[in-house]
Every structure is written in structure tokens, then in C-alpha cells.
PDB file of N, CA and C in Angstrom:
ATOM      1  N   UNK A   1      14.684 169.708  49.779  1.00  0.00           N
ATOM      2  CA  UNK A   1      13.744 169.203  50.720  1.00  0.00           C
ATOM      3  C   UNK A   1      13.022 170.245  51.471  1.00  0.00           C
ATOM      4  N   UNK A   2      11.834 169.956  51.867  1.00  0.00           N
ATOM      5  CA  UNK A   2      10.904 170.918  52.551  1.00  0.00           C
ATOM      6  C   UNK A   2      11.447 171.039  53.872  1.00  0.00           C
ATOM      7  N   UNK A   3      11.107 172.346  54.610  1.00  0.00           N
ATOM      8  CA  UNK A   3      11.483 172.408  56.053  1.00  0.00           C
ATOM      9  C   UNK A   3      10.323 171.667  56.930  1.00  0.00           C
ATOM     10  N   UNK A   4       9.145 171.805  56.465  1.00  0.00           N
ATOM     11  CA  UNK A   4       8.058 171.161  57.060  1.00  0.00           C
ATOM     12  C   UNK A   4       7.249 170.645  56.107  1.00  0.00           C
ATOM     13  N   UNK A   5       7.458 169.392  55.607  1.00  0.00           N
ATOM     14  CA  UNK A   5       6.934 168.774  54.394  1.00  0.00           C
ATOM     15  C   UNK A   5       5.475 168.229  54.691  1.00  0.00           C
ATOM     16  N   UNK A   6       5.152 168.106  55.991  1.00  0.00           N
ATOM     17  CA  UNK A   6       3.700 167.564  56.096  1.00  0.00           C
ATOM     18  C   UNK A   6       2.655 168.580  55.771  1.00  0.00           C
ATOM     19  N   UNK A   7       1.606 168.213  55.264  1.00  0.00           N
ATOM     20  CA  UNK A   7       0.451 169.091  54.841  1.00  0.00           C
ATOM     21  C   UNK A   7      -0.837 168.302  54.889  1.00  0.00           C
ATOM     22  N   UNK A   8      -1.941 169.077  54.863  1.00  0.00           N
ATOM     23  CA  UNK A   8      -3.123 168.431  54.647  1.00  0.00           C
ATOM     24  C   UNK A   8      -3.581 168.016  53.273  1.00  0.00           C
ATOM     25  N   UNK A   9      -4.265 167.070  53.184  1.00  0.00           N
ATOM     26  CA  UNK A   9      -4.668 166.693  51.777  1.00  0.00           C
ATOM     27  C   UNK A   9      -5.307 167.879  50.990  1.00  0.00           C
ATOM     28  N   UNK A  10      -6.042 168.723  51.766  1.00  0.00           N
ATOM     29  CA  UNK A  10      -6.700 169.828  50.832  1.00  0.00           C
ATOM     30  C   UNK A  10      -5.679 170.783  50.273  1.00  0.00           C
ATOM     31  N   UNK A  11      -4.556 170.745  50.754  1.00  0.00           N
ATOM     32  CA  UNK A  11      -3.534 171.685  50.267  1.00  0.00           C
ATOM     33  C   UNK A  11      -2.836 171.230  49.006  1.00  0.00           C
ATOM     34  N   UNK A  12      -3.058 169.731  48.596  1.00  0.00           N
ATOM     35  CA  UNK A  12      -2.442 169.447  47.298  1.00  0.00           C
ATOM     36  C   UNK A  12      -3.030 170.056  46.169  1.00  0.00           C
ATOM     37  N   UNK A  13      -2.411 170.108  45.000  1.00  0.00           N
ATOM     38  CA  UNK A  13      -2.917 170.449  43.775  1.00  0.00           C
ATOM     39  C   UNK A  13      -3.344 169.277  43.008  1.00  0.00           C
ATOM     40  N   UNK A  14      -4.479 169.541  42.280  1.00  0.00           N
ATOM     41  CA  UNK A  14      -5.046 168.419  41.445  1.00  0.00           C
ATOM     42  C   UNK A  14      -3.974 167.789  40.562  1.00  0.00           C
ATOM     43  N   UNK A  15      -3.716 166.470  40.621  1.00  0.00           N
ATOM     44  CA  UNK A  15      -2.771 165.732  39.799  1.00  0.00           C
ATOM     45  C   UNK A  15      -1.411 165.608  40.583  1.00  0.00           C
ATOM     46  N   UNK A  16      -1.487 166.052  41.847  1.00  0.00           N
ATOM     47  CA  UNK A  16      -0.190 165.930  42.723  1.00  0.00           C
ATOM     48  C   UNK A  16      -0.390 164.562  43.406  1.00  0.00           C
ATOM     49  N   UNK A  17       0.874 163.815  43.745  1.00  0.00           N
ATOM     50  CA  UNK A  17       0.827 162.692  44.415  1.00  0.00           C
ATOM     51  C   UNK A  17       1.391 162.976  45.754  1.00  0.00           C
ATOM     52  N   UNK A  18       1.098 162.224  46.785  1.00  0.00           N
ATOM     53  CA  UNK A  18       1.630 162.365  48.052  1.00  0.00           C
ATOM     54  C   UNK A  18       1.546 161.032  48.795  1.00  0.00           C
ATOM     55  N   UNK A  19       2.100 160.786  49.992  1.00  0.00           N
ATOM     56  CA  UNK A  19       2.181 159.602  50.852  1.00  0.00           C
ATOM     57  C   UNK A  19       1.479 159.987  52.164  1.00  0.00           C
ATOM     58  N   UNK A  20       0.513 159.050  52.435  1.00  0.00           N
ATOM     59  CA  UNK A  20      -0.188 159.359  53.771  1.00  0.00           C
ATOM     60  C   UNK A  20       0.771 159.319  54.950  1.00  0.00           C
ATOM     61  N   UNK A  21       0.664 160.301  55.720  1.00  0.00           N
ATOM     62  CA  UNK A  21       1.562 160.289  56.909  1.00  0.00           C
ATOM     63  C   UNK A  21       0.836 159.909  58.184  1.00  0.00           C
ATOM     64  N   UNK A  22      -0.324 160.592  58.397  1.00  0.00           N
ATOM     65  CA  UNK A  22      -1.241 160.307  59.645  1.00  0.00           C
ATOM     66  C   UNK A  22      -2.608 160.759  59.318  1.00  0.00           C
ATOM     67  N   UNK A  23      -3.463 160.469  60.440  1.00  0.00           N
ATOM     68  CA  UNK A  23      -4.832 161.115  60.386  1.00  0.00           C
ATOM     69  C   UNK A  23      -4.854 162.007  61.534  1.00  0.00           C
ATOM     70  N   UNK A  24      -4.982 163.266  61.401  1.00  0.00           N
ATOM     71  CA  UNK A  24      -4.869 164.209  62.380  1.00  0.00           C
ATOM     72  C   UNK A  24      -6.306 164.794  62.859  1.00  0.00           C
ATOM     73  N   UNK A  25      -6.630 164.464  64.217  1.00  0.00           N
ATOM     74  CA  UNK A  25      -7.680 165.139  64.822  1.00  0.00           C
ATOM     75  C   UNK A  25      -9.044 164.354  64.342  1.00  0.00           C
ATOM     76  N   UNK A  26      -8.931 163.170  63.726  1.00  0.00           N
ATOM     77  CA  UNK A  26     -10.203 162.559  63.274  1.00  0.00           C
ATOM     78  C   UNK A  26     -10.683 161.691  64.433  1.00  0.00           C
ATOM     79  N   UNK A  27     -12.015 161.668  64.509  1.00  0.00           N
ATOM     80  CA  UNK A  27     -12.547 160.752  65.639  1.00  0.00           C
ATOM     81  C   UNK A  27     -12.251 159.219  65.203  1.00  0.00           C
ATOM     82  N   UNK A  28     -12.322 158.562  66.324  1.00  0.00           N
ATOM     83  CA  UNK A  28     -12.003 157.005  66.086  1.00  0.00           C
ATOM     84  C   UNK A  28     -12.813 156.379  64.860  1.00  0.00           C
ATOM     85  N   UNK A  29     -14.142 156.818  64.842  1.00  0.00           N
ATOM     86  CA  UNK A  29     -14.969 156.380  63.775  1.00  0.00           C
ATOM     87  C   UNK A  29     -14.482 156.700  62.523  1.00  0.00           C
ATOM     88  N   UNK A  30     -14.050 157.954  62.223  1.00  0.00           N
ATOM     89  CA  UNK A  30     -13.497 158.540  61.074  1.00  0.00           C
ATOM     90  C   UNK A  30     -12.087 157.660  60.712  1.00  0.00           C
ATOM     91  N   UNK A  31     -11.280 157.634  61.683  1.00  0.00           N
ATOM     92  CA  UNK A  31     -10.162 156.981  61.544  1.00  0.00           C
ATOM     93  C   UNK A  31     -10.395 155.378  61.001  1.00  0.00           C
ATOM     94  N   UNK A  32     -11.319 154.890  61.580  1.00  0.00           N
ATOM     95  CA  UNK A  32     -11.456 153.566  61.107  1.00  0.00           C
ATOM     96  C   UNK A  32     -11.934 153.432  59.694  1.00  0.00           C
ATOM     97  N   UNK A  33     -12.907 154.301  59.505  1.00  0.00           N
ATOM     98  CA  UNK A  33     -13.506 154.419  58.178  1.00  0.00           C
ATOM     99  C   UNK A  33     -12.294 154.658  57.208  1.00  0.00           C
ATOM    100  N   UNK A  34     -11.589 155.767  57.270  1.00  0.00           N
ATOM    101  CA  UNK A  34     -10.457 156.072  56.461  1.00  0.00           C
ATOM    102  C   UNK A  34      -9.474 154.858  56.366  1.00  0.00           C
ATOM    103  N   UNK A  35      -9.023 154.301  57.339  1.00  0.00           N
ATOM    104  CA  UNK A  35      -8.139 153.115  57.338  1.00  0.00           C
ATOM    105  C   UNK A  35      -8.696 151.933  56.504  1.00  0.00           C
ATOM    106  N   UNK A  36      -9.997 151.771  56.621  1.00  0.00           N
ATOM    107  CA  UNK A  36     -10.642 150.678  55.823  1.00  0.00           C
ATOM    108  C   UNK A  36     -10.576 151.099  54.341  1.00  0.00           C
ATOM    109  N   UNK A  37     -10.621 152.202  54.165  1.00  0.00           N
ATOM    110  CA  UNK A  37     -10.533 152.669  52.642  1.00  0.00           C
ATOM    111  C   UNK A  37      -9.308 152.721  52.065  1.00  0.00           C
ATOM    112  N   UNK A  38      -8.322 152.655  52.866  1.00  0.00           N
ATOM    113  CA  UNK A  38      -6.784 152.550  52.290  1.00  0.00           C
ATOM    114  C   UNK A  38      -5.999 153.726  52.823  1.00  0.00           C
ATOM    115  N   UNK A  39      -6.394 154.667  53.618  1.00  0.00           N
ATOM    116  CA  UNK A  39      -5.749 155.694  54.053  1.00  0.00           C
ATOM    117  C   UNK A  39      -4.707 155.363  55.252  1.00  0.00           C
ATOM    118  N   UNK A  40      -3.708 154.590  54.892  1.00  0.00           N
ATOM    119  CA  UNK A  40      -2.963 154.116  55.999  1.00  0.00           C
ATOM    120  C   UNK A  40      -1.522 154.697  55.664  1.00  0.00           C
ATOM    121  N   UNK A  41      -0.737 154.993  56.875  1.00  0.00           N
ATOM    122  CA  UNK A  41       0.683 155.562  56.810  1.00  0.00           C
ATOM    123  C   UNK A  41       1.407 154.798  55.681  1.00  0.00           C
ATOM    124  N   UNK A  42       2.170 155.698  54.777  1.00  0.00           N
ATOM    125  CA  UNK A  42       3.033 154.964  53.772  1.00  0.00           C
ATOM    126  C   UNK A  42       2.459 154.721  52.445  1.00  0.00           C
ATOM    127  N   UNK A  43       0.903 154.835  52.384  1.00  0.00           N
ATOM    128  CA  UNK A  43       0.293 154.574  51.257  1.00  0.00           C
ATOM    129  C   UNK A  43       0.397 155.741  50.320  1.00  0.00           C
ATOM    130  N   UNK A  44       0.609 155.477  49.084  1.00  0.00           N
ATOM    131  CA  UNK A  44       0.609 156.729  47.889  1.00  0.00           C
ATOM    132  C   UNK A  44      -0.762 156.957  47.525  1.00  0.00           C
ATOM    133  N   UNK A  45      -0.895 158.179  47.264  1.00  0.00           N
ATOM    134  CA  UNK A  45      -2.403 158.725  46.777  1.00  0.00           C
ATOM    135  C   UNK A  45      -1.969 159.617  45.717  1.00  0.00           C
ATOM    136  N   UNK A  46      -3.141 160.024  45.050  1.00  0.00           N
ATOM    137  CA  UNK A  46      -3.147 160.961  44.083  1.00  0.00           C
ATOM    138  C   UNK A  46      -4.454 161.710  44.085  1.00  0.00           C
ATOM    139  N   UNK A  47      -4.264 163.070  44.106  1.00  0.00           N
ATOM    140  CA  UNK A  47      -5.521 163.882  44.159  1.00  0.00           C
ATOM    141  C   UNK A  47      -6.139 164.191  42.678  1.00  0.00           C
ATOM    142  N   UNK A  48      -7.350 163.700  42.461  1.00  0.00           N
ATOM    143  CA  UNK A  48      -7.640 163.713  41.063  1.00  0.00           C
ATOM    144  C   UNK A  48      -8.739 164.891  40.893  1.00  0.00           C
ATOM    145  N   UNK A  49      -9.296 165.431  41.905  1.00  0.00           N
ATOM    146  CA  UNK A  49     -10.412 166.299  41.838  1.00  0.00           C
ATOM    147  C   UNK A  49     -10.561 166.940  43.290  1.00  0.00           C
ATOM    148  N   UNK A  50     -10.977 168.409  43.255  1.00  0.00           N
ATOM    149  CA  UNK A  50     -11.263 169.128  44.620  1.00  0.00           C
ATOM    150  C   UNK A  50     -12.795 169.396  44.791  1.00  0.00           C
ATOM    151  N   UNK A  51     -13.478 169.727  43.718  1.00  0.00           N
ATOM    152  CA  UNK A  51     -14.901 169.934  43.752  1.00  0.00           C
ATOM    153  C   UNK A  51     -15.735 169.149  42.879  1.00  0.00           C
ATOM    154  N   UNK A  52     -16.904 168.826  43.262  1.00  0.00           N
ATOM    155  CA  UNK A  52     -17.563 169.236  44.563  1.00  0.00           C
ATOM    156  C   UNK A  52     -17.096 168.318  45.805  1.00  0.00           C
ATOM    157  N   UNK A  53     -16.293 167.470  45.535  1.00  0.00           N
ATOM    158  CA  UNK A  53     -15.675 166.486  46.544  1.00  0.00           C
ATOM    159  C   UNK A  53     -14.213 166.395  46.332  1.00  0.00           C
ATOM    160  N   UNK A  54     -13.474 166.052  47.132  1.00  0.00           N
ATOM    161  CA  UNK A  54     -12.034 165.560  47.013  1.00  0.00           C
ATOM    162  C   UNK A  54     -12.089 164.229  46.619  1.00  0.00           C
ATOM    163  N   UNK A  55     -11.627 163.930  45.404  1.00  0.00           N
ATOM    164  CA  UNK A  55     -11.510 162.616  44.915  1.00  0.00           C
ATOM    165  C   UNK A  55     -10.102 162.271  44.883  1.00  0.00           C
ATOM    166  N   UNK A  56      -9.776 161.142  45.629  1.00  0.00           N
ATOM    167  CA  UNK A  56      -8.347 160.514  45.767  1.00  0.00           C
ATOM    168  C   UNK A  56      -8.309 159.197  45.240  1.00  0.00           C
ATOM    169  N   UNK A  57      -7.200 158.868  44.538  1.00  0.00           N
ATOM    170  CA  UNK A  57      -6.890 157.527  43.984  1.00  0.00           C
ATOM    171  C   UNK A  57      -5.828 157.017  44.954  1.00  0.00           C
ATOM    172  N   UNK A  58      -6.216 155.739  45.441  1.00  0.00           N
ATOM    173  CA  UNK A  58      -5.318 154.877  46.179  1.00  0.00           C
ATOM    174  C   UNK A  58      -5.218 153.543  45.578  1.00  0.00           C
ATOM    175  N   UNK A  59      -4.065 153.487  44.768  1.00  0.00           N
ATOM    176  CA  UNK A  59      -3.866 152.233  43.973  1.00  0.00           C
ATOM    177  C   UNK A  59      -4.879 152.127  42.952  1.00  0.00           C
ATOM    178  N   UNK A  60      -5.921 151.197  43.035  1.00  0.00           N
ATOM    179  CA  UNK A  60      -6.934 151.167  42.086  1.00  0.00           C
ATOM    180  C   UNK A  60      -8.261 151.720  42.500  1.00  0.00           C
ATOM    181  N   UNK A  61      -8.221 152.103  43.710  1.00  0.00           N
ATOM    182  CA  UNK A  61      -9.384 152.712  44.284  1.00  0.00           C
ATOM    183  C   UNK A  61      -9.574 154.113  44.270  1.00  0.00           C
ATOM    184  N   UNK A  62     -10.691 154.707  44.000  1.00  0.00           N
ATOM    185  CA  UNK A  62     -11.106 156.019  43.982  1.00  0.00           C
ATOM    186  C   UNK A  62     -12.036 156.239  45.196  1.00  0.00           C
ATOM    187  N   UNK A  63     -11.702 157.400  45.919  1.00  0.00           N
ATOM    188  CA  UNK A  63     -12.464 157.728  47.131  1.00  0.00           C
ATOM    189  C   UNK A  63     -12.864 159.138  47.055  1.00  0.00           C
ATOM    190  N   UNK A  64     -14.086 159.382  47.396  1.00  0.00           N
ATOM    191  CA  UNK A  64     -14.556 160.802  47.545  1.00  0.00           C
ATOM    192  C   UNK A  64     -14.747 161.261  48.865  1.00  0.00           C
ATOM    193  N   UNK A  65     -14.075 162.364  49.269  1.00  0.00           N
ATOM    194  CA  UNK A  65     -14.145 162.816  50.856  1.00  0.00           C
ATOM    195  C   UNK A  65     -14.736 164.252  50.754  1.00  0.00           C
ATOM    196  N   UNK A  66     -15.406 164.447  51.794  1.00  0.00           N
ATOM    197  CA  UNK A  66     -15.864 165.938  52.036  1.00  0.00           C
ATOM    198  C   UNK A  66     -14.578 166.591  52.603  1.00  0.00           C
ATOM    199  N   UNK A  67     -14.741 167.955  52.482  1.00  0.00           N
ATOM    200  CA  UNK A  67     -13.578 168.810  52.934  1.00  0.00           C
ATOM    201  C   UNK A  67     -13.128 168.591  54.455  1.00  0.00           C
ATOM    202  N   UNK A  68     -14.034 168.366  55.232  1.00  0.00           N
ATOM    203  CA  UNK A  68     -13.815 168.186  56.694  1.00  0.00           C
ATOM    204  C   UNK A  68     -12.975 167.012  56.876  1.00  0.00           C
ATOM    205  N   UNK A  69     -13.365 165.815  56.199  1.00  0.00           N
ATOM    206  CA  UNK A  69     -12.814 164.492  56.223  1.00  0.00           C
ATOM    207  C   UNK A  69     -11.170 164.881  55.558  1.00  0.00           C
ATOM    208  N   UNK A  70     -11.189 165.325  54.440  1.00  0.00           N
ATOM    209  CA  UNK A  70      -9.925 165.513  53.791  1.00  0.00           C
ATOM    210  C   UNK A  70      -8.986 166.313  54.663  1.00  0.00           C
ATOM    211  N   UNK A  71      -9.402 167.239  55.328  1.00  0.00           N
ATOM    212  CA  UNK A  71      -8.433 168.049  56.161  1.00  0.00           C
ATOM    213  C   UNK A  71      -7.730 167.264  57.134  1.00  0.00           C
ATOM    214  N   UNK A  72      -8.504 166.104  57.587  1.00  0.00           N
ATOM    215  CA  UNK A  72      -7.789 165.275  58.561  1.00  0.00           C
ATOM    216  C   UNK A  72      -6.619 164.323  58.108  1.00  0.00           C
ATOM    217  N   UNK A  73      -6.441 164.124  56.793  1.00  0.00           N
ATOM    218  CA  UNK A  73      -5.461 163.344  56.297  1.00  0.00           C
ATOM    219  C   UNK A  73      -4.183 164.175  55.962  1.00  0.00           C
ATOM    220  N   UNK A  74      -3.168 163.825  56.860  1.00  0.00           N
ATOM    221  CA  UNK A  74      -1.821 164.465  56.629  1.00  0.00           C
ATOM    222  C   UNK A  74      -0.950 163.739  55.815  1.00  0.00           C
ATOM    223  N   UNK A  75      -0.486 164.472  54.902  1.00  0.00           N
ATOM    224  CA  UNK A  75       0.367 163.779  53.842  1.00  0.00           C
ATOM    225  C   UNK A  75       1.682 164.420  53.673  1.00  0.00           C
ATOM    226  N   UNK A  76       2.646 163.721  53.064  1.00  0.00           N
ATOM    227  CA  UNK A  76       3.967 164.105  52.630  1.00  0.00           C
ATOM    228  C   UNK A  76       3.981 164.233  51.098  1.00  0.00           C
ATOM    229  N   UNK A  77       4.027 165.487  50.536  1.00  0.00           N
ATOM    230  CA  UNK A  77       3.914 165.659  49.186  1.00  0.00           C
ATOM    231  C   UNK A  77       5.064 164.877  48.468  1.00  0.00           C
ATOM    232  N   UNK A  78       4.731 164.308  47.244  1.00  0.00           N
ATOM    233  CA  UNK A  78       5.626 163.591  46.489  1.00  0.00           C
ATOM    234  C   UNK A  78       5.946 164.572  45.159  1.00  0.00           C
ATOM    235  N   UNK A  79       7.104 164.715  44.803  1.00  0.00           N
ATOM    236  CA  UNK A  79       7.391 165.552  43.508  1.00  0.00           C
ATOM    237  C   UNK A  79       6.756 164.898  42.370  1.00  0.00           C
ATOM    238  N   UNK A  80       6.201 163.802  42.216  1.00  0.00           N
ATOM    239  CA  UNK A  80       5.583 163.420  40.962  1.00  0.00           C
ATOM    240  C   UNK A  80       4.194 163.766  40.748  1.00  0.00           C
ATOM    241  N   UNK A  81       3.813 163.485  39.712  1.00  0.00           N
ATOM    242  CA  UNK A  81       2.306 163.769  39.396  1.00  0.00           C
ATOM    243  C   UNK A  81       1.726 162.378  38.800  1.00  0.00           C
ATOM    244  N   UNK A  82       0.433 162.396  39.134  1.00  0.00           N
ATOM    245  CA  UNK A  82      -0.336 161.251  38.713  1.00  0.00           C
ATOM    246  C   UNK A  82      -0.672 161.309  37.287  1.00  0.00           C
ATOM    247  N   UNK A  83      -0.971 160.115  36.729  1.00  0.00           N
ATOM    248  CA  UNK A  83      -1.643 160.168  35.294  1.00  0.00           C
ATOM    249  C   UNK A  83      -2.736 159.181  35.412  1.00  0.00           C
ATOM    250  N   UNK A  84      -3.872 159.710  34.918  1.00  0.00           N
ATOM    251  CA  UNK A  84      -5.142 158.912  34.691  1.00  0.00           C
ATOM    252  C   UNK A  84      -4.889 157.765  33.929  1.00  0.00           C
ATOM    253  N   UNK A  85      -3.891 157.516  33.050  1.00  0.00           N
ATOM    254  CA  UNK A  85      -3.771 156.495  32.197  1.00  0.00           C
ATOM    255  C   UNK A  85      -3.183 155.494  32.929  1.00  0.00           C
ATOM    256  N   UNK A  86      -2.522 155.740  34.074  1.00  0.00           N
ATOM    257  CA  UNK A  86      -1.977 154.617  34.718  1.00  0.00           C
ATOM    258  C   UNK A  86      -2.862 153.602  35.273  1.00  0.00           C
ATOM    259  N   UNK A  87      -4.235 154.197  35.731  1.00  0.00           N
ATOM    260  CA  UNK A  87      -5.132 153.233  36.313  1.00  0.00           C
ATOM    261  C   UNK A  87      -6.533 153.683  35.549  1.00  0.00           C
ATOM    262  N   UNK A  88      -6.580 153.215  34.472  1.00  0.00           N
ATOM    263  CA  UNK A  88      -7.888 153.433  33.832  1.00  0.00           C
ATOM    264  C   UNK A  88      -9.100 153.090  34.641  1.00  0.00           C
ATOM    265  N   UNK A  89     -10.201 153.956  34.712  1.00  0.00           N
ATOM    266  CA  UNK A  89     -11.230 153.705  35.554  1.00  0.00           C
ATOM    267  C   UNK A  89     -12.521 153.765  34.900  1.00  0.00           C
TER     268      UNK A  89
END
């Protein structure tokens, strides 16, 4: 187990899964937008791409975030990896 498992979404590797822990330092407008897109505590996500935008899969939804917004998403890394075949898009 990690000493300090919490990390920013931008620290994940492509293909890594994590669980949303919180939204750190985001404005209330950004928090509402992220919540409405599915970034709620306990939700599992998968980082599919880092450039030119951070593309995250939450269930059957794919969301593209700029770096500034992605930095606000605090996650707990999951030892698993995501598989694009799980949710064909």
C-alpha cells in the first residue's frame, strides 16, 4: 500500500485506472461542471490519453479535460489497467 496514495489525475499513466477522491482547489463552477460529467468521489476512471488533452473514461463516457482542470481532480490509483475493448467507443 502507498504512504500517500492520493495524486492528481495528471500524474496517472495512460491506461491506468484510479478512483476519484476529491476536487482540489477547483472553483465552484468547475466543481459543478466536473460533478455533472461524472467526476464524483468513488467513481472509477481510466486515463486514455494525455495530449493534446487529458481524455478520461468514466463508465461509458469519455471526457476531455485541459491540464489545469485535470490537475484539480485528486485520485487514488488503482493497480489495474483499463482496456479499450471493455467499452467500445
